[in-house]
PDB file of N, CA and C in Angstrom:
ATOM      1  N   MET A   1     -27.178  67.400 -44.293  1.00  0.00           N
ATOM      2  CA  MET A   1     -27.779  66.311 -45.033  1.00  0.00           C
ATOM      3  C   MET A   1     -27.026  65.016 -44.706  1.00  0.00           C
ATOM      4  N   ALA A   2     -27.758  63.969 -44.457  1.00  0.00           N
ATOM      5  CA  ALA A   2     -27.149  62.670 -44.149  1.00  0.00           C
ATOM      6  C   ALA A   2     -26.524  62.070 -45.403  1.00  0.00           C
ATOM      7  N   GLN A   3     -25.405  61.388 -45.206  1.00  0.00           N
ATOM      8  CA  GLN A   3     -24.721  60.743 -46.320  1.00  0.00           C
ATOM      9  C   GLN A   3     -24.931  59.232 -46.204  1.00  0.00           C
ATOM     10  N   VAL A   4     -25.171  58.587 -47.332  1.00  0.00           N
ATOM     11  CA  VAL A   4     -25.378  57.145 -47.369  1.00  0.00           C
ATOM     12  C   VAL A   4     -24.134  56.501 -47.962  1.00  0.00           C
ATOM     13  N   PHE A   5     -23.623  55.469 -47.280  1.00  0.00           N
ATOM     14  CA  PHE A   5     -22.478  54.711 -47.772  1.00  0.00           C
ATOM     15  C   PHE A   5     -22.958  53.337 -48.213  1.00  0.00           C
ATOM     16  N   ILE A   6     -22.461  52.891 -49.354  1.00  0.00           N
ATOM     17  CA  ILE A   6     -22.851  51.586 -49.890  1.00  0.00           C
ATOM     18  C   ILE A   6     -21.759  50.575 -49.569  1.00  0.00           C
ATOM     19  N   TYR A   7     -22.179  49.450 -48.988  1.00  0.00           N
ATOM     20  CA  TYR A   7     -21.271  48.360 -48.616  1.00  0.00           C
ATOM     21  C   TYR A   7     -21.722  47.128 -49.384  1.00  0.00           C
ATOM     22  N   ASP A   8     -20.868  46.600 -50.244  1.00  0.00           N
ATOM     23  CA  ASP A   8     -21.245  45.470 -51.091  1.00  0.00           C
ATOM     24  C   ASP A   8     -20.523  44.200 -50.661  1.00  0.00           C
ATOM     25  N   THR A   9     -21.269  43.094 -50.619  1.00  0.00           N
ATOM     26  CA  THR A   9     -20.691  41.802 -50.220  1.00  0.00           C
ATOM     27  C   THR A   9     -20.784  40.764 -51.339  1.00  0.00           C
ATOM     28  N   THR A  10     -20.905  41.219 -52.576  1.00  0.00           N
ATOM     29  CA  THR A  10     -21.035  40.307 -53.713  1.00  0.00           C
ATOM     30  C   THR A  10     -19.898  39.294 -53.763  1.00  0.00           C
ATOM     31  N   LEU A  11     -18.674  39.733 -53.542  1.00  0.00           N
ATOM     32  CA  LEU A  11     -17.527  38.838 -53.661  1.00  0.00           C
ATOM     33  C   LEU A  11     -17.414  37.870 -52.489  1.00  0.00           C
ATOM     34  N   ARG A  12     -18.195  38.081 -51.450  1.00  0.00           N
ATOM     35  CA  ARG A  12     -18.213  37.142 -50.323  1.00  0.00           C
ATOM     36  C   ARG A  12     -19.505  36.335 -50.361  1.00  0.00           C
ATOM     37  N   ASP A  13     -20.633  36.985 -50.123  1.00  0.00           N
ATOM     38  CA  ASP A  13     -21.920  36.282 -50.072  1.00  0.00           C
ATOM     39  C   ASP A  13     -22.368  35.774 -51.434  1.00  0.00           C
ATOM     40  N   GLY A  14     -22.066  36.523 -52.463  1.00  0.00           N
ATOM     41  CA  GLY A  14     -22.532  36.177 -53.800  1.00  0.00           C
ATOM     42  C   GLY A  14     -21.822  35.003 -54.438  1.00  0.00           C
ATOM     43  N   THR A  15     -20.767  34.521 -53.806  1.00  0.00           N
ATOM     44  CA  THR A  15     -20.011  33.411 -54.387  1.00  0.00           C
ATOM     45  C   THR A  15     -20.045  32.160 -53.517  1.00  0.00           C
ATOM     46  N   GLN A  16     -20.978  32.080 -52.587  1.00  0.00           N
ATOM     47  CA  GLN A  16     -21.035  30.930 -51.687  1.00  0.00           C
ATOM     48  C   GLN A  16     -21.915  29.805 -52.208  1.00  0.00           C
ATOM     49  N   ARG A  17     -22.576  30.018 -53.306  1.00  0.00           N
ATOM     50  CA  ARG A  17     -23.435  28.980 -53.873  1.00  0.00           C
ATOM     51  C   ARG A  17     -22.584  27.868 -54.478  1.00  0.00           C
ATOM     52  N   GLU A  18     -23.019  26.649 -54.330  1.00  0.00           N
ATOM     53  CA  GLU A  18     -22.305  25.514 -54.905  1.00  0.00           C
ATOM     54  C   GLU A  18     -22.222  25.675 -56.420  1.00  0.00           C
ATOM     55  N   GLY A  19     -21.050  25.422 -56.966  1.00  0.00           N
ATOM     56  CA  GLY A  19     -20.858  25.522 -58.403  1.00  0.00           C
ATOM     57  C   GLY A  19     -20.362  26.873 -58.883  1.00  0.00           C
ATOM     58  N   ILE A  20     -20.306  27.857 -58.001  1.00  0.00           N
ATOM     59  CA  ILE A  20     -19.806  29.187 -58.365  1.00  0.00           C
ATOM     60  C   ILE A  20     -18.324  29.248 -58.002  1.00  0.00           C
ATOM     61  N   SER A  21     -17.516  29.584 -58.956  1.00  0.00           N
ATOM     62  CA  SER A  21     -16.087  29.735 -58.722  1.00  0.00           C
ATOM     63  C   SER A  21     -15.573  30.840 -59.637  1.00  0.00           C
ATOM     64  N   LEU A  22     -15.173  31.940 -59.044  1.00  0.00           N
ATOM     65  CA  LEU A  22     -14.691  33.080 -59.820  1.00  0.00           C
ATOM     66  C   LEU A  22     -13.168  33.092 -59.824  1.00  0.00           C
ATOM     67  N   SER A  23     -12.601  33.399 -60.962  1.00  0.00           N
ATOM     68  CA  SER A  23     -11.154  33.539 -61.061  1.00  0.00           C
ATOM     69  C   SER A  23     -10.743  34.881 -60.461  1.00  0.00           C
ATOM     70  N   LEU A  24      -9.463  35.060 -60.272  1.00  0.00           N
ATOM     71  CA  LEU A  24      -8.952  36.340 -59.792  1.00  0.00           C
ATOM     72  C   LEU A  24      -9.367  37.453 -60.745  1.00  0.00           C
ATOM     73  N   GLU A  25      -9.240  37.205 -62.044  1.00  0.00           N
ATOM     74  CA  GLU A  25      -9.624  38.206 -63.046  1.00  0.00           C
ATOM     75  C   GLU A  25     -11.114  38.542 -62.949  1.00  0.00           C
ATOM     76  N   ASP A  26     -11.970  37.526 -62.741  1.00  0.00           N
ATOM     77  CA  ASP A  26     -13.409  37.763 -62.573  1.00  0.00           C
ATOM     78  C   ASP A  26     -13.666  38.675 -61.379  1.00  0.00           C
ATOM     79  N   LYS A  27     -13.001  38.386 -60.259  1.00  0.00           N
ATOM     80  CA  LYS A  27     -13.208  39.171 -59.040  1.00  0.00           C
ATOM     81  C   LYS A  27     -12.742  40.612 -59.222  1.00  0.00           C
ATOM     82  N   LEU A  28     -11.634  40.777 -59.935  1.00  0.00           N
ATOM     83  CA  LEU A  28     -11.140  42.135 -60.180  1.00  0.00           C
ATOM     84  C   LEU A  28     -12.084  42.901 -61.094  1.00  0.00           C
ATOM     85  N   LYS A  29     -12.648  42.242 -62.092  1.00  0.00           N
ATOM     86  CA  LYS A  29     -13.620  42.897 -62.982  1.00  0.00           C
ATOM     87  C   LYS A  29     -14.852  43.333 -62.208  1.00  0.00           C
ATOM     88  N   ILE A  30     -15.344  42.455 -61.333  1.00  0.00           N
ATOM     89  CA  ILE A  30     -16.522  42.786 -60.516  1.00  0.00           C
ATOM     90  C   ILE A  30     -16.205  43.964 -59.600  1.00  0.00           C
ATOM     91  N   ALA A  31     -15.050  43.923 -58.940  1.00  0.00           N
ATOM     92  CA  ALA A  31     -14.657  45.010 -58.038  1.00  0.00           C
ATOM     93  C   ALA A  31     -14.535  46.324 -58.800  1.00  0.00           C
ATOM     94  N   ARG A  32     -13.981  46.274 -60.004  1.00  0.00           N
ATOM     95  CA  ARG A  32     -13.837  47.484 -60.824  1.00  0.00           C
ATOM     96  C   ARG A  32     -15.204  48.074 -61.174  1.00  0.00           C
ATOM     97  N   LYS A  33     -16.146  47.217 -61.554  1.00  0.00           N
ATOM     98  CA  LYS A  33     -17.494  47.695 -61.904  1.00  0.00           C
ATOM     99  C   LYS A  33     -18.199  48.280 -60.685  1.00  0.00           C
ATOM    100  N   LEU A  34     -18.052  47.631 -59.537  1.00  0.00           N
ATOM    101  CA  LEU A  34     -18.661  48.160 -58.318  1.00  0.00           C
ATOM    102  C   LEU A  34     -18.069  49.531 -57.981  1.00  0.00           C
ATOM    103  N   ASP A  35     -16.768  49.663 -58.166  1.00  0.00           N
ATOM    104  CA  ASP A  35     -16.107  50.940 -57.919  1.00  0.00           C
ATOM    105  C   ASP A  35     -16.616  52.008 -58.886  1.00  0.00           C
ATOM    106  N   GLU A  36     -16.740  51.647 -60.158  1.00  0.00           N
ATOM    107  CA  GLU A  36     -17.255  52.585 -61.160  1.00  0.00           C
ATOM    108  C   GLU A  36     -18.677  53.023 -60.839  1.00  0.00           C
ATOM    109  N   PHE A  37     -19.452  52.112 -60.254  1.00  0.00           N
ATOM    110  CA  PHE A  37     -20.832  52.413 -59.883  1.00  0.00           C
ATOM    111  C   PHE A  37     -20.888  53.366 -58.696  1.00  0.00           C
ATOM    112  N   GLY A  38     -19.810  53.417 -57.923  1.00  0.00           N
ATOM    113  CA  GLY A  38     -19.764  54.326 -56.786  1.00  0.00           C
ATOM    114  C   GLY A  38     -19.886  53.655 -55.431  1.00  0.00           C
ATOM    115  N   VAL A  39     -19.734  52.348 -55.394  1.00  0.00           N
ATOM    116  CA  VAL A  39     -19.800  51.618 -54.118  1.00  0.00           C
ATOM    117  C   VAL A  39     -18.622  52.062 -53.251  1.00  0.00           C
ATOM    118  N   HIS A  40     -18.903  52.407 -52.003  1.00  0.00           N
ATOM    119  CA  HIS A  40     -17.879  52.928 -51.107  1.00  0.00           C
ATOM    120  C   HIS A  40     -16.999  51.834 -50.517  1.00  0.00           C
ATOM    121  N   TYR A  41     -17.609  50.711 -50.155  1.00  0.00           N
ATOM    122  CA  TYR A  41     -16.886  49.615 -49.519  1.00  0.00           C
ATOM    123  C   TYR A  41     -17.210  48.311 -50.248  1.00  0.00           C
ATOM    124  N   ILE A  42     -16.177  47.571 -50.621  1.00  0.00           N
ATOM    125  CA  ILE A  42     -16.355  46.295 -51.296  1.00  0.00           C
ATOM    126  C   ILE A  42     -15.684  45.223 -50.450  1.00  0.00           C
ATOM    127  N   GLU A  43     -16.484  44.317 -49.927  1.00  0.00           N
ATOM    128  CA  GLU A  43     -15.925  43.224 -49.135  1.00  0.00           C
ATOM    129  C   GLU A  43     -15.446  42.139 -50.094  1.00  0.00           C
ATOM    130  N   GLY A  44     -14.190  41.801 -49.999  1.00  0.00           N
ATOM    131  CA  GLY A  44     -13.596  40.843 -50.923  1.00  0.00           C
ATOM    132  C   GLY A  44     -13.695  39.402 -50.503  1.00  0.00           C
ATOM    133  N   GLY A  45     -14.094  39.129 -49.287  1.00  0.00           N
ATOM    134  CA  GLY A  45     -14.152  37.753 -48.813  1.00  0.00           C
ATOM    135  C   GLY A  45     -13.105  37.515 -47.744  1.00  0.00           C
ATOM    136  N   GLY A  46     -13.025  36.265 -47.332  1.00  0.00           N
ATOM    137  CA  GLY A  46     -12.108  35.911 -46.249  1.00  0.00           C
ATOM    138  C   GLY A  46     -10.764  35.441 -46.754  1.00  0.00           C
ATOM    139  N   ARG A  47      -9.802  36.340 -46.823  1.00  0.00           N
ATOM    140  CA  ARG A  47      -8.497  35.952 -47.353  1.00  0.00           C
ATOM    141  C   ARG A  47      -7.749  35.009 -46.434  1.00  0.00           C
ATOM    142  N   VAL A  48      -8.015  35.051 -45.155  1.00  0.00           N
ATOM    143  CA  VAL A  48      -7.333  34.144 -44.237  1.00  0.00           C
ATOM    144  C   VAL A  48      -7.876  32.730 -44.390  1.00  0.00           C
ATOM    145  N   LEU A  49      -9.161  32.600 -44.595  1.00  0.00           N
ATOM    146  CA  LEU A  49      -9.790  31.292 -44.676  1.00  0.00           C
ATOM    147  C   LEU A  49      -9.678  30.646 -46.048  1.00  0.00           C
ATOM    148  N   ILE A  50      -9.568  31.448 -47.087  1.00  0.00           N
ATOM    149  CA  ILE A  50      -9.568  30.918 -48.447  1.00  0.00           C
ATOM    150  C   ILE A  50      -8.271  31.340 -49.140  1.00  0.00           C
ATOM    151  N   PRO A  51      -7.293  30.429 -49.202  1.00  0.00           N
ATOM    152  CA  PRO A  51      -5.995  30.796 -49.775  1.00  0.00           C
ATOM    153  C   PRO A  51      -6.052  31.380 -51.185  1.00  0.00           C
ATOM    154  N   LYS A  52      -6.992  30.947 -52.034  1.00  0.00           N
ATOM    155  CA  LYS A  52      -7.027  31.501 -53.389  1.00  0.00           C
ATOM    156  C   LYS A  52      -7.410  32.981 -53.394  1.00  0.00           C
ATOM    157  N   MET A  53      -7.961  33.493 -52.293  1.00  0.00           N
ATOM    158  CA  MET A  53      -8.316  34.907 -52.204  1.00  0.00           C
ATOM    159  C   MET A  53      -7.099  35.769 -51.888  1.00  0.00           C
ATOM    160  N   TRP A  54      -5.996  35.176 -51.453  1.00  0.00           N
ATOM    161  CA  TRP A  54      -4.808  35.969 -51.109  1.00  0.00           C
ATOM    162  C   TRP A  54      -4.368  36.825 -52.282  1.00  0.00           C
ATOM    163  N   SER A  55      -4.445  36.286 -53.500  1.00  0.00           N
ATOM    164  CA  SER A  55      -4.032  37.039 -54.692  1.00  0.00           C
ATOM    165  C   SER A  55      -4.912  38.254 -54.916  1.00  0.00           C
ATOM    166  N   PHE A  56      -6.208  38.127 -54.634  1.00  0.00           N
ATOM    167  CA  PHE A  56      -7.134  39.249 -54.811  1.00  0.00           C
ATOM    168  C   PHE A  56      -6.713  40.424 -53.932  1.00  0.00           C
ATOM    169  N   PHE A  57      -6.355  40.137 -52.689  1.00  0.00           N
ATOM    170  CA  PHE A  57      -5.998  41.206 -51.758  1.00  0.00           C
ATOM    171  C   PHE A  57      -4.599  41.741 -52.021  1.00  0.00           C
ATOM    172  N   ALA A  58      -3.772  41.002 -52.750  1.00  0.00           N
ATOM    173  CA  ALA A  58      -2.422  41.444 -53.053  1.00  0.00           C
ATOM    174  C   ALA A  58      -2.380  42.424 -54.216  1.00  0.00           C
ATOM    175  N   VAL A  59      -3.431  42.430 -55.035  1.00  0.00           N
ATOM    176  CA  VAL A  59      -3.474  43.293 -56.224  1.00  0.00           C
ATOM    177  C   VAL A  59      -3.785  44.724 -55.814  1.00  0.00           C
ATOM    178  N   ARG A  60      -3.000  45.639 -56.315  1.00  0.00           N
ATOM    179  CA  ARG A  60      -3.256  47.060 -56.099  1.00  0.00           C
ATOM    180  C   ARG A  60      -3.999  47.567 -57.333  1.00  0.00           C
ATOM    181  N   PRO A  61      -5.257  47.946 -57.169  1.00  0.00           N
ATOM    182  CA  PRO A  61      -6.027  48.384 -58.332  1.00  0.00           C
ATOM    183  C   PRO A  61      -5.411  49.600 -59.016  1.00  0.00           C
ATOM    184  N   ALA A  62      -5.453  49.578 -60.324  1.00  0.00           N
ATOM    185  CA  ALA A  62      -4.926  50.707 -61.106  1.00  0.00           C
ATOM    186  C   ALA A  62      -5.939  51.835 -61.191  1.00  0.00           C
ATOM    187  N   TRP A  63      -7.193  51.505 -60.897  1.00  0.00           N
ATOM    188  CA  TRP A  63      -8.231  52.545 -60.948  1.00  0.00           C
ATOM    189  C   TRP A  63      -8.375  53.146 -59.556  1.00  0.00           C
ATOM    190  N   GLY A  64      -9.093  54.246 -59.464  1.00  0.00           N
ATOM    191  CA  GLY A  64      -9.429  54.858 -58.183  1.00  0.00           C
ATOM    192  C   GLY A  64      -8.299  55.402 -57.480  1.00  0.00           C
TER     193      GLY A  64
END
């Protein structure tokens, strides 16, 4: 049986609209919910290009 993997880009594509600005806590909450839903891969955005994203990638999730 074929297996389907879910790849989510909410934290990258979903935050590119003008006026949208998520805090680190917001991004972690979204990532936690996506993980709880069963998403296999969560793209966090471009940490090299966006310095405020460095903190997101530095956090080691307590879940999972």
